[in-house]
Structure formats: structure tokens, C-alpha cells
Amino acid sequence: MQNGLQISASRIGQVVRERRAASNLTQRELGELAGVGLRLVSELERGKPTLRLDAVNKVLQVFGLMLGPVDSPHTDDDQK
């Protein structure tokens, strides 16, 4: 089972992929608009959980979004 960080990274990737497709942008075009490389956009869309926050925010900013603190989902494993 995925942990909360992996789920969040996957969700961010899903949002970016959906917004990019709705904007008729390629990954390369999105990278150019955001000032980041194609590889970062690709890894972001695949849900890689270890990307730099500033780089992720550059991509999200293209769509008027940014990362921010949210409540973390709790599982029974968190009680240990």
C-alpha cells in the first residue's frame, strides 16, 4: 500500500497531467512555460515523490496553483 507522500505525489501528477492536456500542451511546452526541463514534467506527472518543491511550484504556477500544507490522511499504522 502507498504511503501518504506517494499518494499526494500521484495526485499532484494527475492534476498536472489533466491540466496540461486540457490546455493542449505537450510536456515539453509545459516545461518551457514553467522554465523547467522535460524530465521534471515527466517525473512530476508520473508521481515521483522526491522532486524539488520550488520546481513543482513553477509547473503548478502555469495553472494558477501552488503547493501548500494540507492535513495528512491518518492510518492505523500512524498510531504505532
PDB file of N, CA and C in Angstrom:
ATOM      1  N   MET A   1       0.841  -1.189   0.000  1.00  0.00           N
ATOM      2  CA  MET A   1       0.000   0.000   0.000  1.00  0.00           C
ATOM      3  C   MET A   1       0.886   1.253   0.000  1.00  0.00           C
ATOM      4  N   GLN A   2       0.456   2.276  -0.712  1.00  0.00           N
ATOM      5  CA  GLN A   2       1.237   3.501  -0.790  1.00  0.00           C
ATOM      6  C   GLN A   2       1.100   4.301   0.493  1.00  0.00           C
ATOM      7  N   ASN A   3       2.170   5.035   0.839  1.00  0.00           N
ATOM      8  CA  ASN A   3       2.050   5.924   2.000  1.00  0.00           C
ATOM      9  C   ASN A   3       1.469   7.258   1.547  1.00  0.00           C
ATOM     10  N   GLY A   4       1.168   8.153   2.478  1.00  0.00           N
ATOM     11  CA  GLY A   4       0.541   9.427   2.168  1.00  0.00           C
ATOM     12  C   GLY A   4       1.344  10.282   1.211  1.00  0.00           C
ATOM     13  N   LEU A   5       2.670  10.256   1.326  1.00  0.00           N
ATOM     14  CA  LEU A   5       3.520  11.058   0.438  1.00  0.00           C
ATOM     15  C   LEU A   5       3.398  10.582  -1.006  1.00  0.00           C
ATOM     16  N   GLN A   6       3.401   9.281  -1.209  1.00  0.00           N
ATOM     17  CA  GLN A   6       3.278   8.745  -2.563  1.00  0.00           C
ATOM     18  C   GLN A   6       1.905   9.051  -3.145  1.00  0.00           C
ATOM     19  N   ILE A   7       0.865   8.963  -2.334  1.00  0.00           N
ATOM     20  CA  ILE A   7      -0.482   9.266  -2.801  1.00  0.00           C
ATOM     21  C   ILE A   7      -0.566  10.732  -3.201  1.00  0.00           C
ATOM     22  N   SER A   8      -0.012  11.618  -2.390  1.00  0.00           N
ATOM     23  CA  SER A   8      -0.023  13.051  -2.704  1.00  0.00           C
ATOM     24  C   SER A   8       0.744  13.347  -3.978  1.00  0.00           C
ATOM     25  N   ALA A   9       1.901  12.755  -4.151  1.00  0.00           N
ATOM     26  CA  ALA A   9       2.698  12.964  -5.357  1.00  0.00           C
ATOM     27  C   ALA A   9       1.946  12.463  -6.581  1.00  0.00           C
ATOM     28  N   SER A  10       1.283  11.333  -6.444  1.00  0.00           N
ATOM     29  CA  SER A  10       0.486  10.807  -7.557  1.00  0.00           C
ATOM     30  C   SER A  10      -0.659  11.731  -7.898  1.00  0.00           C
ATOM     31  N   ARG A  11      -1.306  12.289  -6.885  1.00  0.00           N
ATOM     32  CA  ARG A  11      -2.434  13.194  -7.117  1.00  0.00           C
ATOM     33  C   ARG A  11      -1.963  14.483  -7.793  1.00  0.00           C
ATOM     34  N   ILE A  12      -0.831  15.024  -7.362  1.00  0.00           N
ATOM     35  CA  ILE A  12      -0.285  16.227  -7.991  1.00  0.00           C
ATOM     36  C   ILE A  12       0.030  15.939  -9.453  1.00  0.00           C
ATOM     37  N   GLY A  13       0.648  14.793  -9.719  1.00  0.00           N
ATOM     38  CA  GLY A  13       0.946  14.407 -11.087  1.00  0.00           C
ATOM     39  C   GLY A  13      -0.302  14.287 -11.934  1.00  0.00           C
ATOM     40  N   GLN A  14      -1.339  13.730 -11.362  1.00  0.00           N
ATOM     41  CA  GLN A  14      -2.605  13.592 -12.075  1.00  0.00           C
ATOM     42  C   GLN A  14      -3.188  14.962 -12.421  1.00  0.00           C
ATOM     43  N   VAL A  15      -3.164  15.880 -11.470  1.00  0.00           N
ATOM     44  CA  VAL A  15      -3.686  17.228 -11.703  1.00  0.00           C
ATOM     45  C   VAL A  15      -2.901  17.917 -12.816  1.00  0.00           C
ATOM     46  N   VAL A  16      -1.576  17.835 -12.762  1.00  0.00           N
ATOM     47  CA  VAL A  16      -0.739  18.474 -13.776  1.00  0.00           C
ATOM     48  C   VAL A  16      -1.032  17.870 -15.148  1.00  0.00           C
ATOM     49  N   ARG A  17      -1.103  16.547 -15.223  1.00  0.00           N
ATOM     50  CA  ARG A  17      -1.369  15.873 -16.497  1.00  0.00           C
ATOM     51  C   ARG A  17      -2.733  16.290 -17.061  1.00  0.00           C
ATOM     52  N   GLU A  18      -3.755  16.336 -16.205  1.00  0.00           N
ATOM     53  CA  GLU A  18      -5.089  16.726 -16.654  1.00  0.00           C
ATOM     54  C   GLU A  18      -5.129  18.178 -17.128  1.00  0.00           C
ATOM     55  N   ARG A  19      -4.497  19.076 -16.364  1.00  0.00           N
ATOM     56  CA  ARG A  19      -4.488  20.492 -16.745  1.00  0.00           C
ATOM     57  C   ARG A  19      -3.694  20.715 -18.027  1.00  0.00           C
ATOM     58  N   ARG A  20      -2.590  19.994 -18.163  1.00  0.00           N
ATOM     59  CA  ARG A  20      -1.762  20.123 -19.364  1.00  0.00           C
ATOM     60  C   ARG A  20      -2.543  19.667 -20.592  1.00  0.00           C
ATOM     61  N   ALA A  21      -3.198  18.529 -20.470  1.00  0.00           N
ATOM     62  CA  ALA A  21      -3.981  18.002 -21.600  1.00  0.00           C
ATOM     63  C   ALA A  21      -5.131  18.943 -21.950  1.00  0.00           C
ATOM     64  N   ALA A  22      -5.802  19.477 -20.930  1.00  0.00           N
ATOM     65  CA  ALA A  22      -6.911  20.404 -21.170  1.00  0.00           C
ATOM     66  C   ALA A  22      -6.430  21.690 -21.839  1.00  0.00           C
ATOM     67  N   SER A  23      -5.168  22.030 -21.617  1.00  0.00           N
ATOM     68  CA  SER A  23      -4.585  23.233 -22.221  1.00  0.00           C
ATOM     69  C   SER A  23      -3.928  22.939 -23.565  1.00  0.00           C
ATOM     70  N   ASN A  24      -4.036  21.687 -24.023  1.00  0.00           N
ATOM     71  CA  ASN A  24      -3.438  21.260 -25.296  1.00  0.00           C
ATOM     72  C   ASN A  24      -1.943  21.549 -25.353  1.00  0.00           C
ATOM     73  N   LEU A  25      -1.255  21.250 -24.247  1.00  0.00           N
ATOM     74  CA  LEU A  25       0.192  21.444 -24.178  1.00  0.00           C
ATOM     75  C   LEU A  25       0.891  20.095 -24.172  1.00  0.00           C
ATOM     76  N   THR A  26       2.051  20.034 -24.801  1.00  0.00           N
ATOM     77  CA  THR A  26       2.907  18.867 -24.650  1.00  0.00           C
ATOM     78  C   THR A  26       3.691  19.036 -23.345  1.00  0.00           C
ATOM     79  N   GLN A  27       4.322  17.969 -22.904  1.00  0.00           N
ATOM     80  CA  GLN A  27       5.171  18.083 -21.721  1.00  0.00           C
ATOM     81  C   GLN A  27       6.290  19.081 -21.973  1.00  0.00           C
ATOM     82  N   ARG A  28       6.846  19.055 -23.156  1.00  0.00           N
ATOM     83  CA  ARG A  28       7.942  19.981 -23.495  1.00  0.00           C
ATOM     84  C   ARG A  28       7.449  21.425 -23.429  1.00  0.00           C
ATOM     85  N   GLU A  29       6.276  21.697 -23.997  1.00  0.00           N
ATOM     86  CA  GLU A  29       5.725  23.055 -23.974  1.00  0.00           C
ATOM     87  C   GLU A  29       5.456  23.521 -22.551  1.00  0.00           C
ATOM     88  N   LEU A  30       4.916  22.633 -21.720  1.00  0.00           N
ATOM     89  CA  LEU A  30       4.676  22.990 -20.322  1.00  0.00           C
ATOM     90  C   LEU A  30       5.988  23.304 -19.624  1.00  0.00           C
ATOM     91  N   GLY A  31       6.999  22.491 -19.858  1.00  0.00           N
ATOM     92  CA  GLY A  31       8.312  22.744 -19.273  1.00  0.00           C
ATOM     93  C   GLY A  31       8.865  24.096 -19.675  1.00  0.00           C
ATOM     94  N   GLU A  32       8.707  24.449 -20.949  1.00  0.00           N
ATOM     95  CA  GLU A  32       9.197  25.742 -21.427  1.00  0.00           C
ATOM     96  C   GLU A  32       8.435  26.892 -20.766  1.00  0.00           C
ATOM     97  N   LEU A  33       7.113  26.756 -20.658  1.00  0.00           N
ATOM     98  CA  LEU A  33       6.321  27.799 -19.995  1.00  0.00           C
ATOM     99  C   LEU A  33       6.709  27.963 -18.527  1.00  0.00           C
ATOM    100  N   ALA A  34       7.022  26.846 -17.875  1.00  0.00           N
ATOM    101  CA  ALA A  34       7.347  26.867 -16.454  1.00  0.00           C
ATOM    102  C   ALA A  34       8.820  27.142 -16.179  1.00  0.00           C
ATOM    103  N   GLY A  35       9.648  27.055 -17.198  1.00  0.00           N
ATOM    104  CA  GLY A  35      11.078  27.249 -17.001  1.00  0.00           C
ATOM    105  C   GLY A  35      11.752  26.057 -16.349  1.00  0.00           C
ATOM    106  N   VAL A  36      11.231  24.859 -16.631  1.00  0.00           N
ATOM    107  CA  VAL A  36      11.820  23.622 -16.114  1.00  0.00           C
ATOM    108  C   VAL A  36      12.022  22.672 -17.284  1.00  0.00           C
ATOM    109  N   GLY A  37      12.753  21.602 -17.049  1.00  0.00           N
ATOM    110  CA  GLY A  37      13.031  20.643 -18.105  1.00  0.00           C
ATOM    111  C   GLY A  37      11.917  19.641 -18.340  1.00  0.00           C
ATOM    112  N   LEU A  38      11.965  19.032 -19.511  1.00  0.00           N
ATOM    113  CA  LEU A  38      11.008  17.993 -19.886  1.00  0.00           C
ATOM    114  C   LEU A  38      11.029  16.845 -18.873  1.00  0.00           C
ATOM    115  N   ARG A  39      12.214  16.472 -18.430  1.00  0.00           N
ATOM    116  CA  ARG A  39      12.333  15.356 -17.485  1.00  0.00           C
ATOM    117  C   ARG A  39      11.564  15.639 -16.197  1.00  0.00           C
ATOM    118  N   LEU A  40      11.645  16.860 -15.687  1.00  0.00           N
ATOM    119  CA  LEU A  40      10.926  17.191 -14.462  1.00  0.00           C
ATOM    120  C   LEU A  40       9.420  17.061 -14.677  1.00  0.00           C
ATOM    121  N   VAL A  41       8.917  17.572 -15.786  1.00  0.00           N
ATOM    122  CA  VAL A  41       7.480  17.480 -16.068  1.00  0.00           C
ATOM    123  C   VAL A  41       7.064  16.012 -16.151  1.00  0.00           C
ATOM    124  N   SER A  42       7.852  15.211 -16.837  1.00  0.00           N
ATOM    125  CA  SER A  42       7.556  13.789 -16.969  1.00  0.00           C
ATOM    126  C   SER A  42       7.533  13.102 -15.597  1.00  0.00           C
ATOM    127  N   GLU A  43       8.552  13.347 -14.786  1.00  0.00           N
ATOM    128  CA  GLU A  43       8.615  12.732 -13.461  1.00  0.00           C
ATOM    129  C   GLU A  43       7.483  13.222 -12.572  1.00  0.00           C
ATOM    130  N   LEU A  44       7.144  14.481 -12.671  1.00  0.00           N
ATOM    131  CA  LEU A  44       6.047  15.049 -11.894  1.00  0.00           C
ATOM    132  C   LEU A  44       4.737  14.358 -12.254  1.00  0.00           C
ATOM    133  N   GLU A  45       4.477  14.210 -13.537  1.00  0.00           N
ATOM    134  CA  GLU A  45       3.237  13.570 -13.971  1.00  0.00           C
ATOM    135  C   GLU A  45       3.175  12.098 -13.588  1.00  0.00           C
ATOM    136  N   ARG A  46       4.324  11.463 -13.424  1.00  0.00           N
ATOM    137  CA  ARG A  46       4.361  10.057 -13.003  1.00  0.00           C
ATOM    138  C   ARG A  46       4.287   9.908 -11.481  1.00  0.00           C
ATOM    139  N   GLY A  47       4.261  11.023 -10.768  1.00  0.00           N
ATOM    140  CA  GLY A  47       4.095  10.967  -9.322  1.00  0.00           C
ATOM    141  C   GLY A  47       5.359  10.737  -8.526  1.00  0.00           C
ATOM    142  N   LYS A  48       6.507  11.089  -9.082  1.00  0.00           N
ATOM    143  CA  LYS A  48       7.764  10.926  -8.341  1.00  0.00           C
ATOM    144  C   LYS A  48       7.704  11.800  -7.090  1.00  0.00           C
ATOM    145  N   PRO A  49       7.875  11.208  -5.904  1.00  0.00           N
ATOM    146  CA  PRO A  49       7.694  11.959  -4.662  1.00  0.00           C
ATOM    147  C   PRO A  49       8.901  12.758  -4.186  1.00  0.00           C
ATOM    148  N   THR A  50      10.012  12.735  -4.920  1.00  0.00           N
ATOM    149  CA  THR A  50      11.231  13.384  -4.426  1.00  0.00           C
ATOM    150  C   THR A  50      11.682  14.545  -5.300  1.00  0.00           C
ATOM    151  N   LEU A  51      10.756  15.268  -5.897  1.00  0.00           N
ATOM    152  CA  LEU A  51      11.112  16.429  -6.707  1.00  0.00           C
ATOM    153  C   LEU A  51      11.229  17.673  -5.835  1.00  0.00           C
ATOM    154  N   ARG A  52      12.006  18.644  -6.290  1.00  0.00           N
ATOM    155  CA  ARG A  52      12.177  19.897  -5.539  1.00  0.00           C
ATOM    156  C   ARG A  52      10.876  20.688  -5.540  1.00  0.00           C
ATOM    157  N   LEU A  53      10.506  21.178  -4.370  1.00  0.00           N
ATOM    158  CA  LEU A  53       9.252  21.907  -4.228  1.00  0.00           C
ATOM    159  C   LEU A  53       9.210  23.162  -5.087  1.00  0.00           C
ATOM    160  N   ASP A  54      10.320  23.880  -5.186  1.00  0.00           N
ATOM    161  CA  ASP A  54      10.314  25.097  -5.996  1.00  0.00           C
ATOM    162  C   ASP A  54      10.065  24.777  -7.461  1.00  0.00           C
ATOM    163  N   ALA A  55      10.603  23.678  -7.948  1.00  0.00           N
ATOM    164  CA  ALA A  55      10.391  23.284  -9.338  1.00  0.00           C
ATOM    165  C   ALA A  55       8.939  22.851  -9.564  1.00  0.00           C
ATOM    166  N   VAL A  56       8.388  22.111  -8.624  1.00  0.00           N
ATOM    167  CA  VAL A  56       6.984  21.699  -8.728  1.00  0.00           C
ATOM    168  C   VAL A  56       6.092  22.941  -8.746  1.00  0.00           C
ATOM    169  N   ASN A  57       6.386  23.902  -7.893  1.00  0.00           N
ATOM    170  CA  ASN A  57       5.586  25.125  -7.858  1.00  0.00           C
ATOM    171  C   ASN A  57       5.687  25.920  -9.157  1.00  0.00           C
ATOM    172  N   LYS A  58       6.826  25.872  -9.838  1.00  0.00           N
ATOM    173  CA  LYS A  58       6.949  26.561 -11.128  1.00  0.00           C
ATOM    174  C   LYS A  58       5.963  25.978 -12.134  1.00  0.00           C
ATOM    175  N   VAL A  59       5.848  24.651 -12.129  1.00  0.00           N
ATOM    176  CA  VAL A  59       4.910  23.995 -13.040  1.00  0.00           C
ATOM    177  C   VAL A  59       3.472  24.305 -12.638  1.00  0.00           C
ATOM    178  N   LEU A  60       3.166  24.178 -11.356  1.00  0.00           N
ATOM    179  CA  LEU A  60       1.805  24.437 -10.888  1.00  0.00           C
ATOM    180  C   LEU A  60       1.385  25.876 -11.145  1.00  0.00           C
ATOM    181  N   GLN A  61       2.329  26.801 -11.069  1.00  0.00           N
ATOM    182  CA  GLN A  61       2.031  28.215 -11.262  1.00  0.00           C
ATOM    183  C   GLN A  61       1.484  28.492 -12.666  1.00  0.00           C
ATOM    184  N   VAL A  62       1.883  27.705 -13.644  1.00  0.00           N
ATOM    185  CA  VAL A  62       1.363  27.862 -15.001  1.00  0.00           C
ATOM    186  C   VAL A  62      -0.162  27.739 -15.001  1.00  0.00           C
ATOM    187  N   PHE A  63      -0.695  26.938 -14.075  1.00  0.00           N
ATOM    188  CA  PHE A  63      -2.134  26.702 -13.986  1.00  0.00           C
ATOM    189  C   PHE A  63      -2.788  27.473 -12.845  1.00  0.00           C
ATOM    190  N   GLY A  64      -2.056  28.422 -12.258  1.00  0.00           N
ATOM    191  CA  GLY A  64      -2.603  29.222 -11.172  1.00  0.00           C
ATOM    192  C   GLY A  64      -2.697  28.462  -9.859  1.00  0.00           C
ATOM    193  N   LEU A  65      -1.836  27.473  -9.673  1.00  0.00           N
ATOM    194  CA  LEU A  65      -1.836  26.644  -8.462  1.00  0.00           C
ATOM    195  C   LEU A  65      -0.484  26.720  -7.767  1.00  0.00           C
ATOM    196  N   MET A  66      -0.426  26.280  -6.521  1.00  0.00           N
ATOM    197  CA  MET A  66       0.833  26.124  -5.806  1.00  0.00           C
ATOM    198  C   MET A  66       0.646  25.107  -4.698  1.00  0.00           C
ATOM    199  N   LEU A  67       1.747  24.526  -4.257  1.00  0.00           N
ATOM    200  CA  LEU A  67       1.700  23.580  -3.145  1.00  0.00           C
ATOM    201  C   LEU A  67       1.431  24.322  -1.851  1.00  0.00           C
ATOM    202  N   GLY A  68       0.783  23.660  -0.928  1.00  0.00           N
ATOM    203  CA  GLY A  68       0.539  24.246   0.378  1.00  0.00           C
ATOM    204  C   GLY A  68       0.271  23.159   1.403  1.00  0.00           C
ATOM    205  N   PRO A  69       0.312  23.491   2.660  1.00  0.00           N
ATOM    206  CA  PRO A  69       0.078  22.490   3.698  1.00  0.00           C
ATOM    207  C   PRO A  69      -1.386  22.045   3.718  1.00  0.00           C
ATOM    208  N   VAL A  70      -1.562  20.752   3.794  1.00  0.00           N
ATOM    209  CA  VAL A  70      -2.889  20.158   3.925  1.00  0.00           C
ATOM    210  C   VAL A  70      -2.822  19.095   5.015  1.00  0.00           C
ATOM    211  N   ASP A  71      -3.956  18.783   5.583  1.00  0.00           N
ATOM    212  CA  ASP A  71      -3.983  17.733   6.591  1.00  0.00           C
ATOM    213  C   ASP A  71      -3.618  16.397   5.954  1.00  0.00           C
ATOM    214  N   SER A  72      -2.802  15.655   6.631  1.00  0.00           N
ATOM    215  CA  SER A  72      -2.370  14.352   6.155  1.00  0.00           C
ATOM    216  C   SER A  72      -3.396  13.299   6.550  1.00  0.00           C
ATOM    217  N   PRO A  73      -3.692  12.373   5.625  1.00  0.00           N
ATOM    218  CA  PRO A  73      -4.598  11.292   5.993  1.00  0.00           C
ATOM    219  C   PRO A  73      -3.914  10.397   7.028  1.00  0.00           C
ATOM    220  N   HIS A  74      -4.658   9.946   8.006  1.00  0.00           N
ATOM    221  CA  HIS A  74      -4.101   9.088   9.055  1.00  0.00           C
ATOM    222  C   HIS A  74      -4.550   7.651   8.839  1.00  0.00           C
ATOM    223  N   THR A  75      -3.661   6.728   9.121  1.00  0.00           N
ATOM    224  CA  THR A  75      -3.978   5.314   9.050  1.00  0.00           C
ATOM    225  C   THR A  75      -3.734   4.698  10.417  1.00  0.00           C
ATOM    226  N   ASP A  76      -4.145   3.451  10.576  1.00  0.00           N
ATOM    227  CA  ASP A  76      -3.897   2.761  11.836  1.00  0.00           C
ATOM    228  C   ASP A  76      -2.416   2.619  12.113  1.00  0.00           C
ATOM    229  N   ASP A  77      -1.583   2.561  11.051  1.00  0.00           N
ATOM    230  CA  ASP A  77      -0.130   2.439  11.214  1.00  0.00           C
ATOM    231  C   ASP A  77       0.471   3.682  11.871  1.00  0.00           C
ATOM    232  N   ASP A  78      -0.186   4.839  11.740  1.00  0.00           N
ATOM    233  CA  ASP A  78       0.317   6.086  12.315  1.00  0.00           C
ATOM    234  C   ASP A  78       0.290   6.065  13.833  1.00  0.00           C
ATOM    235  N   GLN A  79      -0.491   5.205  14.427  1.00  0.00           N
ATOM    236  CA  GLN A  79      -0.645   5.149  15.870  1.00  0.00           C
ATOM    237  C   GLN A  79       0.495   4.419  16.562  1.00  0.00           C
ATOM    238  N   LYS A  80       1.366   3.775  15.813  1.00  0.00           N
ATOM    239  CA  LYS A  80       2.470   2.997  16.404  1.00  0.00           C
ATOM    240  C   LYS A  80       3.553   3.883  16.897  1.00  0.00           C
TER     241      LYS A  80
END
